[in-house]
Amino acid sequence: MPEHYTRNTISAEFWCAKCKKRTQHTIDDARKGRCLPCVERLNVEHAQLEIERRREARQGSLFTEASR
């Protein structure tokens, strides 16, 4: 039977299938939400991909041999 929490509950500890250990999960709308370490890891990966995408899109120098 699923557990329900009060509206004031922010997080609780549950088993995470991805992390393979007990971690803190958010409590959204009085029910278990996402795993906080997994969310943090995804945010870091997304930020790193954004940095790499911007580096690739950077315009080269106007005065190089390749532009002639």
PDB file of N, CA and C in Angstrom:
ATOM      1  N   MET A   1       0.846  -1.181   0.000  1.00  0.00           N
ATOM      2  CA  MET A   1       0.000   0.000   0.000  1.00  0.00           C
ATOM      3  C   MET A   1       0.891   1.245   0.000  1.00  0.00           C
ATOM      4  N   PRO A   2       0.663   2.177  -0.901  1.00  0.00           N
ATOM      5  CA  PRO A   2       1.497   3.373  -0.965  1.00  0.00           C
ATOM      6  C   PRO A   2       1.354   4.242   0.292  1.00  0.00           C
ATOM      7  N   GLU A   3       2.448   4.890   0.631  1.00  0.00           N
ATOM      8  CA  GLU A   3       2.438   5.774   1.788  1.00  0.00           C
ATOM      9  C   GLU A   3       2.048   7.179   1.366  1.00  0.00           C
ATOM     10  N   HIS A   4       1.345   7.863   2.239  1.00  0.00           N
ATOM     11  CA  HIS A   4       0.984   9.251   2.014  1.00  0.00           C
ATOM     12  C   HIS A   4       1.578  10.090   3.136  1.00  0.00           C
ATOM     13  N   TYR A   5       1.966  11.301   2.814  1.00  0.00           N
ATOM     14  CA  TYR A   5       2.613  12.175   3.780  1.00  0.00           C
ATOM     15  C   TYR A   5       1.826  13.465   3.927  1.00  0.00           C
ATOM     16  N   THR A   6       2.133  14.218   4.974  1.00  0.00           N
ATOM     17  CA  THR A   6       1.478  15.506   5.168  1.00  0.00           C
ATOM     18  C   THR A   6       1.968  16.485   4.109  1.00  0.00           C
ATOM     19  N   ARG A   7       1.249  17.551   3.913  1.00  0.00           N
ATOM     20  CA  ARG A   7       1.627  18.562   2.921  1.00  0.00           C
ATOM     21  C   ARG A   7       2.919  19.288   3.304  1.00  0.00           C
ATOM     22  N   ASN A   8       3.282  19.277   4.589  1.00  0.00           N
ATOM     23  CA  ASN A   8       4.490  19.960   5.040  1.00  0.00           C
ATOM     24  C   ASN A   8       5.753  19.119   4.869  1.00  0.00           C
ATOM     25  N   THR A   9       5.629  17.842   4.540  1.00  0.00           N
ATOM     26  CA  THR A   9       6.789  16.978   4.377  1.00  0.00           C
ATOM     27  C   THR A   9       7.515  17.348   3.087  1.00  0.00           C
ATOM     28  N   ILE A  10       8.836  17.516   3.194  1.00  0.00           N
ATOM     29  CA  ILE A  10       9.646  17.920   2.035  1.00  0.00           C
ATOM     30  C   ILE A  10      10.328  16.715   1.400  1.00  0.00           C
ATOM     31  N   SER A  11      10.935  15.842   2.225  1.00  0.00           N
ATOM     32  CA  SER A  11      11.614  14.675   1.681  1.00  0.00           C
ATOM     33  C   SER A  11      11.550  13.522   2.679  1.00  0.00           C
ATOM     34  N   ALA A  12      11.796  12.314   2.162  1.00  0.00           N
ATOM     35  CA  ALA A  12      11.822  11.111   2.991  1.00  0.00           C
ATOM     36  C   ALA A  12      12.781  10.119   2.355  1.00  0.00           C
ATOM     37  N   GLU A  13      13.245   9.155   3.133  1.00  0.00           N
ATOM     38  CA  GLU A  13      14.202   8.179   2.647  1.00  0.00           C
ATOM     39  C   GLU A  13      13.483   6.956   2.080  1.00  0.00           C
ATOM     40  N   PHE A  14      13.876   6.558   0.850  1.00  0.00           N
ATOM     41  CA  PHE A  14      13.326   5.388   0.175  1.00  0.00           C
ATOM     42  C   PHE A  14      14.447   4.669  -0.550  1.00  0.00           C
ATOM     43  N   TRP A  15      14.157   3.454  -1.005  1.00  0.00           N
ATOM     44  CA  TRP A  15      15.084   2.702  -1.834  1.00  0.00           C
ATOM     45  C   TRP A  15      15.015   3.254  -3.261  1.00  0.00           C
ATOM     46  N   CYS A  16      16.186   3.520  -3.837  1.00  0.00           N
ATOM     47  CA  CYS A  16      16.255   3.990  -5.225  1.00  0.00           C
ATOM     48  C   CYS A  16      16.786   2.857  -6.087  1.00  0.00           C
ATOM     49  N   ALA A  17      16.037   2.470  -7.094  1.00  0.00           N
ATOM     50  CA  ALA A  17      16.442   1.373  -7.978  1.00  0.00           C
ATOM     51  C   ALA A  17      17.660   1.758  -8.822  1.00  0.00           C
ATOM     52  N   LYS A  18      17.799   3.026  -9.187  1.00  0.00           N
ATOM     53  CA  LYS A  18      18.951   3.466  -9.977  1.00  0.00           C
ATOM     54  C   LYS A  18      20.221   3.521  -9.145  1.00  0.00           C
ATOM     55  N   CYS A  19      20.132   4.082  -7.942  1.00  0.00           N
ATOM     56  CA  CYS A  19      21.298   4.213  -7.057  1.00  0.00           C
ATOM     57  C   CYS A  19      21.621   2.906  -6.342  1.00  0.00           C
ATOM     58  N   LYS A  20      20.660   2.000  -6.249  1.00  0.00           N
ATOM     59  CA  LYS A  20      20.792   0.728  -5.541  1.00  0.00           C
ATOM     60  C   LYS A  20      21.101   0.927  -4.054  1.00  0.00           C
ATOM     61  N   LYS A  21      20.481   1.957  -3.460  1.00  0.00           N
ATOM     62  CA  LYS A  21      20.623   2.205  -2.023  1.00  0.00           C
ATOM     63  C   LYS A  21      19.486   3.111  -1.566  1.00  0.00           C
ATOM     64  N   ARG A  22      19.385   3.292  -0.248  1.00  0.00           N
ATOM     65  CA  ARG A  22      18.356   4.165   0.312  1.00  0.00           C
ATOM     66  C   ARG A  22      18.838   5.610   0.194  1.00  0.00           C
ATOM     67  N   THR A  23      18.020   6.453  -0.427  1.00  0.00           N
ATOM     68  CA  THR A  23      18.361   7.854  -0.626  1.00  0.00           C
ATOM     69  C   THR A  23      17.148   8.728  -0.313  1.00  0.00           C
ATOM     70  N   GLN A  24      17.380  10.023  -0.224  1.00  0.00           N
ATOM     71  CA  GLN A  24      16.296  10.973   0.004  1.00  0.00           C
ATOM     72  C   GLN A  24      15.528  11.182  -1.296  1.00  0.00           C
ATOM     73  N   HIS A  25      14.214  11.183  -1.195  1.00  0.00           N
ATOM     74  CA  HIS A  25      13.325  11.440  -2.324  1.00  0.00           C
ATOM     75  C   HIS A  25      12.438  12.626  -1.963  1.00  0.00           C
ATOM     76  N   THR A  26      12.037  13.369  -2.965  1.00  0.00           N
ATOM     77  CA  THR A  26      11.112  14.468  -2.724  1.00  0.00           C
ATOM     78  C   THR A  26       9.734  13.907  -2.402  1.00  0.00           C
ATOM     79  N   ILE A  27       8.940  14.699  -1.712  1.00  0.00           N
ATOM     80  CA  ILE A  27       7.545  14.355  -1.461  1.00  0.00           C
ATOM     81  C   ILE A  27       6.718  15.404  -2.205  1.00  0.00           C
ATOM     82  N   ASP A  28       6.095  14.969  -3.297  1.00  0.00           N
ATOM     83  CA  ASP A  28       5.303  15.856  -4.141  1.00  0.00           C
ATOM     84  C   ASP A  28       3.830  15.507  -3.984  1.00  0.00           C
ATOM     85  N   ASP A  29       3.036  16.486  -3.624  1.00  0.00           N
ATOM     86  CA  ASP A  29       1.590  16.289  -3.480  1.00  0.00           C
ATOM     87  C   ASP A  29       1.276  15.133  -2.531  1.00  0.00           C
ATOM     88  N   ALA A  30       2.019  15.070  -1.423  1.00  0.00           N
ATOM     89  CA  ALA A  30       1.841  14.089  -0.358  1.00  0.00           C
ATOM     90  C   ALA A  30       2.211  12.669  -0.778  1.00  0.00           C
ATOM     91  N   ARG A  31       2.950  12.499  -1.895  1.00  0.00           N
ATOM     92  CA  ARG A  31       3.377  11.176  -2.354  1.00  0.00           C
ATOM     93  C   ARG A  31       4.850  11.217  -2.727  1.00  0.00           C
ATOM     94  N   LYS A  32       5.464  10.046  -2.775  1.00  0.00           N
ATOM     95  CA  LYS A  32       6.890   9.919  -3.079  1.00  0.00           C
ATOM     96  C   LYS A  32       7.198  10.476  -4.462  1.00  0.00           C
ATOM     97  N   GLY A  33       8.275  11.279  -4.521  1.00  0.00           N
ATOM     98  CA  GLY A  33       8.696  11.867  -5.784  1.00  0.00           C
ATOM     99  C   GLY A  33      10.033  11.311  -6.239  1.00  0.00           C
ATOM    100  N   ARG A  34      10.825  12.162  -6.864  1.00  0.00           N
ATOM    101  CA  ARG A  34      12.090  11.751  -7.459  1.00  0.00           C
ATOM    102  C   ARG A  34      13.217  11.644  -6.436  1.00  0.00           C
ATOM    103  N   CYS A  35      14.215  10.851  -6.764  1.00  0.00           N
ATOM    104  CA  CYS A  35      15.405  10.670  -5.941  1.00  0.00           C
ATOM    105  C   CYS A  35      16.274  11.922  -6.066  1.00  0.00           C
ATOM    106  N   LEU A  36      16.631  12.538  -4.950  1.00  0.00           N
ATOM    107  CA  LEU A  36      17.401  13.787  -4.986  1.00  0.00           C
ATOM    108  C   LEU A  36      18.801  13.614  -5.565  1.00  0.00           C
ATOM    109  N   PRO A  37      19.583  12.567  -5.216  1.00  0.00           N
ATOM    110  CA  PRO A  37      20.897  12.403  -5.854  1.00  0.00           C
ATOM    111  C   PRO A  37      20.797  12.173  -7.363  1.00  0.00           C
ATOM    112  N   CYS A  38      19.785  11.450  -7.813  1.00  0.00           N
ATOM    113  CA  CYS A  38      19.602  11.231  -9.255  1.00  0.00           C
ATOM    114  C   CYS A  38      19.284  12.547  -9.966  1.00  0.00           C
ATOM    115  N   VAL A  39      18.446  13.364  -9.361  1.00  0.00           N
ATOM    116  CA  VAL A  39      18.095  14.658  -9.950  1.00  0.00           C
ATOM    117  C   VAL A  39      19.339  15.544 -10.032  1.00  0.00           C
ATOM    118  N   GLU A  40      20.134  15.556  -8.976  1.00  0.00           N
ATOM    119  CA  GLU A  40      21.366  16.365  -8.967  1.00  0.00           C
ATOM    120  C   GLU A  40      22.325  15.886 -10.049  1.00  0.00           C
ATOM    121  N   ARG A  41      22.481  14.576 -10.192  1.00  0.00           N
ATOM    122  CA  ARG A  41      23.371  14.028 -11.217  1.00  0.00           C
ATOM    123  C   ARG A  41      22.893  14.409 -12.616  1.00  0.00           C
ATOM    124  N   LEU A  42      21.588  14.341 -12.856  1.00  0.00           N
ATOM    125  CA  LEU A  42      21.046  14.727 -14.157  1.00  0.00           C
ATOM    126  C   LEU A  42      21.243  16.211 -14.436  1.00  0.00           C
ATOM    127  N   ASN A  43      21.100  17.055 -13.405  1.00  0.00           N
ATOM    128  CA  ASN A  43      21.321  18.490 -13.576  1.00  0.00           C
ATOM    129  C   ASN A  43      22.765  18.784 -13.951  1.00  0.00           C
ATOM    130  N   VAL A  44      23.714  18.092 -13.330  1.00  0.00           N
ATOM    131  CA  VAL A  44      25.135  18.287 -13.641  1.00  0.00           C
ATOM    132  C   VAL A  44      25.426  17.835 -15.066  1.00  0.00           C
ATOM    133  N   GLU A  45      24.902  16.674 -15.459  1.00  0.00           N
ATOM    134  CA  GLU A  45      25.101  16.178 -16.822  1.00  0.00           C
ATOM    135  C   GLU A  45      24.514  17.135 -17.844  1.00  0.00           C
ATOM    136  N   HIS A  46      23.329  17.663 -17.574  1.00  0.00           N
ATOM    137  CA  HIS A  46      22.688  18.593 -18.495  1.00  0.00           C
ATOM    138  C   HIS A  46      23.508  19.883 -18.625  1.00  0.00           C
ATOM    139  N   ALA A  47      24.002  20.384 -17.508  1.00  0.00           N
ATOM    140  CA  ALA A  47      24.821  21.599 -17.541  1.00  0.00           C
ATOM    141  C   ALA A  47      26.101  21.359 -18.327  1.00  0.00           C
ATOM    142  N   GLN A  48      26.726  20.191 -18.163  1.00  0.00           N
ATOM    143  CA  GLN A  48      27.950  19.875 -18.893  1.00  0.00           C
ATOM    144  C   GLN A  48      27.680  19.780 -20.396  1.00  0.00           C
ATOM    145  N   LEU A  49      26.573  19.158 -20.778  1.00  0.00           N
ATOM    146  CA  LEU A  49      26.218  19.072 -22.197  1.00  0.00           C
ATOM    147  C   LEU A  49      25.963  20.461 -22.788  1.00  0.00           C
ATOM    148  N   GLU A  50      25.351  21.344 -22.020  1.00  0.00           N
ATOM    149  CA  GLU A  50      25.094  22.707 -22.480  1.00  0.00           C
ATOM    150  C   GLU A  50      26.408  23.456 -22.690  1.00  0.00           C
ATOM    151  N   ILE A  51      27.369  23.278 -21.794  1.00  0.00           N
ATOM    152  CA  ILE A  51      28.684  23.921 -21.938  1.00  0.00           C
ATOM    153  C   ILE A  51      29.375  23.417 -23.194  1.00  0.00           C
ATOM    154  N   GLU A  52      29.350  22.097 -23.420  1.00  0.00           N
ATOM    155  CA  GLU A  52      29.976  21.522 -24.610  1.00  0.00           C
ATOM    156  C   GLU A  52      29.292  22.008 -25.885  1.00  0.00           C
ATOM    157  N   ARG A  53      27.963  22.101 -25.867  1.00  0.00           N
ATOM    158  CA  ARG A  53      27.225  22.574 -27.045  1.00  0.00           C
ATOM    159  C   ARG A  53      27.598  24.015 -27.378  1.00  0.00           C
ATOM    160  N   ARG A  54      27.738  24.840 -26.364  1.00  0.00           N
ATOM    161  CA  ARG A  54      28.105  26.236 -26.597  1.00  0.00           C
ATOM    162  C   ARG A  54      29.535  26.375 -27.100  1.00  0.00           C
ATOM    163  N   ARG A  55      30.433  25.519 -26.615  1.00  0.00           N
ATOM    164  CA  ARG A  55      31.822  25.556 -27.108  1.00  0.00           C
ATOM    165  C   ARG A  55      31.885  25.201 -28.583  1.00  0.00           C
ATOM    166  N   GLU A  56      31.105  24.187 -28.987  1.00  0.00           N
ATOM    167  CA  GLU A  56      31.087  23.774 -30.391  1.00  0.00           C
ATOM    168  C   GLU A  56      30.480  24.849 -31.286  1.00  0.00           C
ATOM    169  N   ALA A  57      29.513  25.596 -30.781  1.00  0.00           N
ATOM    170  CA  ALA A  57      28.829  26.604 -31.580  1.00  0.00           C
ATOM    171  C   ALA A  57      29.587  27.934 -31.636  1.00  0.00           C
ATOM    172  N   ARG A  58      30.655  28.047 -30.879  1.00  0.00           N
ATOM    173  CA  ARG A  58      31.419  29.289 -30.830  1.00  0.00           C
ATOM    174  C   ARG A  58      31.993  29.627 -32.207  1.00  0.00           C
ATOM    175  N   GLN A  59      31.893  30.864 -32.592  1.00  0.00           N
ATOM    176  CA  GLN A  59      32.380  31.315 -33.894  1.00  0.00           C
ATOM    177  C   GLN A  59      33.900  31.398 -33.856  1.00  0.00           C
ATOM    178  N   GLY A  60      34.528  31.000 -34.946  1.00  0.00           N
ATOM    179  CA  GLY A  60      35.985  31.052 -35.042  1.00  0.00           C
ATOM    180  C   GLY A  60      36.469  32.473 -35.322  1.00  0.00           C
ATOM    181  N   SER A  61      37.759  32.602 -35.433  1.00  0.00           N
ATOM    182  CA  SER A  61      38.378  33.902 -35.693  1.00  0.00           C
ATOM    183  C   SER A  61      38.061  34.367 -37.114  1.00  0.00           C
ATOM    184  N   LEU A  62      37.918  35.656 -37.294  1.00  0.00           N
ATOM    185  CA  LEU A  62      37.634  36.212 -38.617  1.00  0.00           C
ATOM    186  C   LEU A  62      38.873  36.266 -39.497  1.00  0.00           C
ATOM    187  N   PHE A  63      40.053  36.249 -38.910  1.00  0.00           N
ATOM    188  CA  PHE A  63      41.285  36.459 -39.663  1.00  0.00           C
ATOM    189  C   PHE A  63      42.169  35.211 -39.678  1.00  0.00           C
ATOM    190  N   THR A  64      41.578  34.067 -39.961  1.00  0.00           N
ATOM    191  CA  THR A  64      42.357  32.842 -40.075  1.00  0.00           C
ATOM    192  C   THR A  64      42.471  32.450 -41.539  1.00  0.00           C
ATOM    193  N   GLU A  65      43.399  31.554 -41.846  1.00  0.00           N
ATOM    194  CA  GLU A  65      43.594  31.087 -43.218  1.00  0.00           C
ATOM    195  C   GLU A  65      42.367  30.337 -43.747  1.00  0.00           C
ATOM    196  N   ALA A  66      41.602  29.711 -42.868  1.00  0.00           N
ATOM    197  CA  ALA A  66      40.450  28.915 -43.291  1.00  0.00           C
ATOM    198  C   ALA A  66      39.338  29.792 -43.868  1.00  0.00           C
ATOM    199  N   SER A  67      39.285  31.067 -43.491  1.00  0.00           N
ATOM    200  CA  SER A  67      38.186  31.909 -43.958  1.00  0.00           C
ATOM    201  C   SER A  67      38.463  32.530 -45.329  1.00  0.00           C
ATOM    202  N   ARG A  68      39.653  32.367 -45.884  1.00  0.00           N
ATOM    203  CA  ARG A  68      39.977  32.953 -47.202  1.00  0.00           C
ATOM    204  C   ARG A  68      39.553  32.099 -48.335  1.00  0.00           C
TER     205      ARG A  68
END
